[in-house]
């Protein structure tokens, strides 16, 4: 069976240049997305370093830096990191995985994960959120972007790069709650030109008390396949 992590790395390496070309200026036509990022930046500005996890070619990392954040980017794809460093030589970009962050406990004031967990099999998402929780300082914020669906369970679909999953905002908020996060707010908007699904963002805060073991039996099996295109 193909390792989802390796499949994601290889697939994004193959499309890195095209991805940067298509999405490098994506915020120019998305005022609502800019507004959410501005709110996130305001909450994190005095909280400590911020990590853009799954940063791709670094366009959102650069945007957060322009909003006054001490931010760095991390991505699984070496090709994406090379493009990010070339486009934004004044910012830090590292190659790595969200499942094993090379960061000490409680060192981040914020995490942006914009569509960064969409390729993670649902059974593995709780472990990713536990890692986010580990590296965030108490009260630190996480902004999570994802494709939204109206099914109770996450739905797999044939994303243009590699298999991805749509989550209901309530379902993903529940998993985040089990990982020790409290919801601050959410935004769900209809698809615009070039998009096929609802787009959602969840803003959550690390609870002051560290949770016990993360329970995730609900998503212990793969979600049913849906062949709806992105």
Protein backbone atom coordinates (compact mmCIF):
# COMPACT_ATOMS: atom_id res chain seq x y z
CA UNK A 1 0.00 0.00 0.00
CA UNK A 2 1.30 3.47 -0.87
CA UNK A 3 2.41 5.60 2.08
CA UNK A 4 0.09 8.67 2.07
CA UNK A 5 2.93 10.90 3.30
CA UNK A 6 5.29 9.83 0.53
CA UNK A 7 2.51 10.06 -2.06
CA UNK A 8 1.79 13.64 -0.98
CA UNK A 9 5.47 14.61 -1.07
CA UNK A 10 6.03 13.13 -4.53
CA UNK A 11 2.82 14.56 -5.96
CA UNK A 12 3.50 18.12 -4.80
CA UNK A 13 7.12 17.96 -5.94
CA UNK A 14 5.79 17.19 -9.42
CA UNK A 15 3.43 20.17 -9.55
CA UNK A 16 5.33 22.70 -7.42
CA UNK A 17 6.03 25.24 -10.17
CA UNK A 18 2.48 25.11 -11.53
CA UNK A 19 1.05 25.37 -8.02
CA UNK A 20 3.13 28.48 -7.30
CA UNK A 21 1.98 30.03 -10.55
CA UNK A 22 -1.70 29.31 -9.89
CA UNK A 23 -1.90 30.20 -6.20
CA UNK A 24 0.88 32.72 -5.60
CA UNK A 25 -1.52 35.68 -5.78
CA UNK A 26 -4.67 33.86 -4.66
CA UNK A 27 -5.38 36.30 -1.81
CA UNK A 28 -5.78 39.19 -4.26
CA UNK A 29 -9.28 38.01 -5.14
CA UNK A 30 -10.33 36.61 -1.74
CA UNK A 31 -11.07 39.48 0.67
CA UNK A 32 -12.82 37.22 3.18
CA UNK A 33 -9.77 34.97 3.41
CA UNK A 34 -7.57 38.03 3.91
CA UNK A 35 -9.84 39.19 6.71
CA UNK A 36 -9.59 35.86 8.52
CA UNK A 37 -5.80 35.92 8.23
CA UNK A 38 -5.77 39.47 9.59
CA UNK A 39 -7.78 38.39 12.64
CA UNK A 40 -5.43 35.45 13.17
CA UNK A 41 -2.42 37.77 12.91
CA UNK A 42 -3.90 40.16 15.46
CA UNK A 43 -4.38 37.33 17.94
CA UNK A 44 -0.85 35.99 17.44
CA UNK A 45 1.20 39.16 17.01
CA UNK A 46 2.47 39.33 20.60
CA UNK A 47 2.20 35.61 21.37
CA UNK A 48 5.49 34.34 19.90
CA UNK A 49 6.69 32.72 16.68
CA UNK A 50 4.12 31.48 14.18
CA UNK A 51 4.52 28.45 11.92
CA UNK A 52 2.91 28.18 8.49
CA UNK A 53 2.68 24.39 8.26
CA UNK A 54 2.25 23.07 4.75
CA UNK A 55 3.45 26.43 3.47
CA UNK A 56 3.86 25.41 -0.19
CA UNK A 57 5.66 28.15 -2.14
CA UNK A 58 5.45 30.52 0.81
CA UNK A 59 2.81 33.00 -0.34
CA UNK A 60 0.82 32.86 2.89
CA UNK A 61 3.99 32.90 4.99
CA UNK A 62 4.97 36.14 3.27
CA UNK A 63 1.49 37.58 3.79
CA UNK A 64 1.62 36.84 7.52
CA UNK A 65 5.06 38.44 7.70
CA UNK A 66 3.62 41.56 6.07
CA UNK A 67 1.03 41.64 8.88
CA UNK A 68 3.80 41.86 11.46
CA UNK A 69 4.21 38.24 12.52
CA UNK A 70 7.47 36.47 13.33
CA UNK A 71 6.67 33.60 10.97
CA UNK A 72 8.42 30.72 9.26
CA UNK A 73 7.22 28.09 6.81
CA UNK A 74 7.49 24.32 6.75
CA UNK A 75 6.53 21.90 4.00
CA UNK A 76 6.89 18.23 3.18
CA UNK A 77 7.87 18.93 -0.44
CA UNK A 78 11.53 19.85 -1.14
CA UNK A 79 10.48 21.44 -4.43
CA UNK A 80 7.98 23.69 -2.67
CA UNK A 81 10.58 24.74 -0.10
CA UNK A 82 13.06 25.57 -2.87
CA UNK A 83 10.47 27.81 -4.55
CA UNK A 84 9.58 29.47 -1.25
CA UNK A 85 13.21 30.26 -0.47
CA UNK A 86 13.73 31.65 -3.95
CA UNK A 87 10.64 33.85 -3.82
CA UNK A 88 11.09 35.02 -0.21
CA UNK A 89 14.81 34.91 0.66
CA UNK A 90 14.27 37.06 3.76
CA UNK A 91 12.06 34.43 5.40
CA UNK A 92 12.85 31.04 6.92
CA UNK A 93 11.57 27.87 5.24
CA UNK A 94 12.25 24.32 6.44
CA UNK A 95 11.53 20.90 5.01
CA UNK A 96 9.65 18.65 7.43
CA UNK A 97 6.47 16.86 8.36
CA UNK A 98 3.56 17.91 10.55
CA UNK A 99 3.52 14.50 12.22
CA UNK A 100 6.93 15.04 13.87
CA UNK A 101 7.73 18.72 14.24
CA UNK A 102 11.31 19.56 15.19
CA UNK A 103 10.13 22.04 17.80
CA UNK A 104 10.20 22.08 21.58
CA UNK A 105 6.96 21.88 23.54
CA UNK A 106 5.00 25.12 23.87
CA UNK A 107 7.26 27.24 21.66
CA UNK A 108 4.76 28.61 19.11
CA UNK A 109 2.31 31.45 19.51
CA UNK A 110 0.32 30.35 16.47
CA UNK A 111 -0.02 27.82 13.67
CA UNK A 112 -1.49 28.34 10.23
CA UNK A 113 -2.44 25.08 8.53
CA UNK A 114 -4.15 26.23 5.34
CA UNK A 115 -5.45 23.12 3.56
CA UNK A 116 -2.44 21.32 5.04
CA UNK A 117 -4.26 18.33 6.54
CA UNK A 118 -6.59 17.66 3.61
CA UNK A 119 -4.47 14.73 2.38
CA UNK A 120 -4.07 13.19 5.84
CA UNK A 121 -6.13 9.99 6.26
CA UNK A 122 -8.86 10.69 8.83
CA UNK A 123 -7.52 8.06 11.21
CA UNK A 124 -4.23 9.98 11.40
CA UNK A 125 -5.65 13.49 11.84
CA UNK A 126 -5.93 13.25 15.67
CA UNK A 127 -2.19 12.54 15.92
CA UNK A 128 -1.44 15.62 13.77
CA UNK A 129 -3.63 17.78 16.02
CA UNK A 130 -1.90 16.35 19.08
CA UNK A 131 1.43 17.44 17.60
CA UNK A 132 0.02 20.93 16.94
CA UNK A 133 -1.15 21.05 20.55
CA UNK A 134 2.28 19.98 21.81
CA UNK A 135 4.20 22.79 20.11
CA UNK A 136 1.70 25.58 20.81
CA UNK A 137 2.06 27.66 23.95
CA UNK A 138 -0.98 27.72 26.27
CA UNK A 139 -3.52 30.06 24.70
CA UNK A 140 -1.84 29.82 21.29
CA UNK A 141 -4.05 29.88 18.20
CA UNK A 142 -4.44 27.49 15.27
CA UNK A 143 -6.10 28.54 12.01
CA UNK A 144 -7.11 25.55 9.93
CA UNK A 145 -8.35 25.78 6.32
CA UNK A 146 -10.06 22.83 4.63
CA UNK A 147 -12.65 21.66 2.12
CA UNK A 148 -16.05 21.40 3.80
CA UNK A 149 -18.73 18.79 3.33
CA UNK A 150 -22.12 18.11 4.87
CA UNK A 151 -21.61 14.44 5.68
CA UNK A 152 -21.10 13.37 9.28
CA UNK A 153 -17.93 11.49 8.36
CA UNK A 154 -15.03 12.79 6.25
CA UNK A 155 -15.40 12.09 2.53
CA UNK A 156 -12.49 11.19 0.26
CA UNK A 157 -12.36 12.74 -3.22
CA UNK A 158 -10.10 12.82 -6.24
CA UNK A 159 -8.16 16.02 -5.59
CA UNK A 160 -6.10 17.16 -8.58
CA UNK A 161 -2.82 16.39 -6.83
CA UNK A 162 -3.55 13.33 -4.68
CA UNK A 163 -6.41 11.89 -2.62
CA UNK A 164 -7.92 14.41 -0.22
CA UNK A 165 -10.74 14.55 2.32
CA UNK A 166 -13.64 16.89 2.98
CA UNK A 167 -14.76 17.35 6.58
CA UNK A 168 -17.89 18.80 8.09
CA UNK A 169 -16.87 21.83 10.17
CA UNK A 170 -18.65 20.36 13.19
CA UNK A 171 -16.90 17.01 12.76
CA UNK A 172 -13.45 18.56 12.50
CA UNK A 173 -14.19 20.88 15.43
CA UNK A 174 -15.04 17.81 17.49
CA UNK A 175 -11.69 16.18 16.71
CA UNK A 176 -9.92 19.44 17.56
CA UNK A 177 -11.80 19.56 20.86
CA UNK A 178 -10.63 16.06 21.70
CA UNK A 179 -7.07 17.22 21.06
CA UNK A 180 -7.40 20.03 23.60
CA UNK A 181 -8.50 22.98 21.47
CA UNK A 182 -11.38 25.39 22.09
CA UNK A 183 -13.15 26.90 19.11
CA UNK A 184 -12.88 30.67 18.69
CA UNK A 185 -14.78 30.99 15.42
CA UNK A 186 -15.43 29.54 12.00
CA UNK A 187 -16.02 30.80 8.47
CA UNK A 188 -17.67 28.76 5.72
CA UNK A 189 -18.10 30.25 2.27
CA UNK A 190 -19.48 28.95 -1.02
CA UNK A 191 -17.06 28.03 -3.80
CA UNK A 192 -15.98 30.78 -6.17
CA UNK A 193 -14.78 30.41 -9.75
CA UNK A 194 -12.27 27.57 -9.99
CA UNK A 195 -13.50 25.90 -6.78
CA UNK A 196 -15.98 23.05 -6.45
CA UNK A 197 -16.58 22.65 -2.72
CA UNK A 198 -17.48 24.75 0.27
CA UNK A 199 -14.36 26.33 1.78
CA UNK A 200 -14.03 26.44 5.56
CA UNK A 201 -11.71 27.87 8.18
CA UNK A 202 -11.70 27.00 11.86
CA UNK A 203 -9.93 29.22 14.38
CA UNK A 204 -9.18 27.45 17.66
CA UNK A 205 -7.16 28.13 20.78
CA UNK A 206 -5.06 25.74 22.85
CA UNK A 207 -6.82 25.17 26.13
CA UNK A 208 -4.87 26.04 29.24
CA UNK A 209 -5.16 22.52 30.61
CA UNK A 210 -3.35 19.77 28.73
CA UNK A 211 -5.84 17.07 27.69
CA UNK A 212 -5.54 13.37 28.34
CA UNK A 213 -5.22 10.78 25.63
CA UNK A 214 -6.78 11.76 22.32
CA UNK A 215 -9.72 9.55 21.42
CA UNK A 216 -10.49 9.10 17.76
CA UNK A 217 -12.40 5.86 17.32
CA UNK A 218 -14.97 7.64 15.19
CA UNK A 219 -12.36 8.11 12.45
CA UNK A 220 -10.40 4.88 12.93
CA UNK A 221 -11.38 3.63 9.49
CA UNK A 222 -10.96 5.27 6.13
CA UNK A 223 -13.76 7.52 5.00
CA UNK A 224 -15.95 6.32 2.17
CA UNK A 225 -14.76 7.30 -1.29
CA UNK A 226 -16.51 10.10 -3.16
CA UNK A 227 -15.49 10.78 -6.73
CA UNK A 228 -16.72 14.35 -6.77
CA UNK A 229 -14.03 16.53 -8.36
CA UNK A 230 -12.54 19.52 -6.62
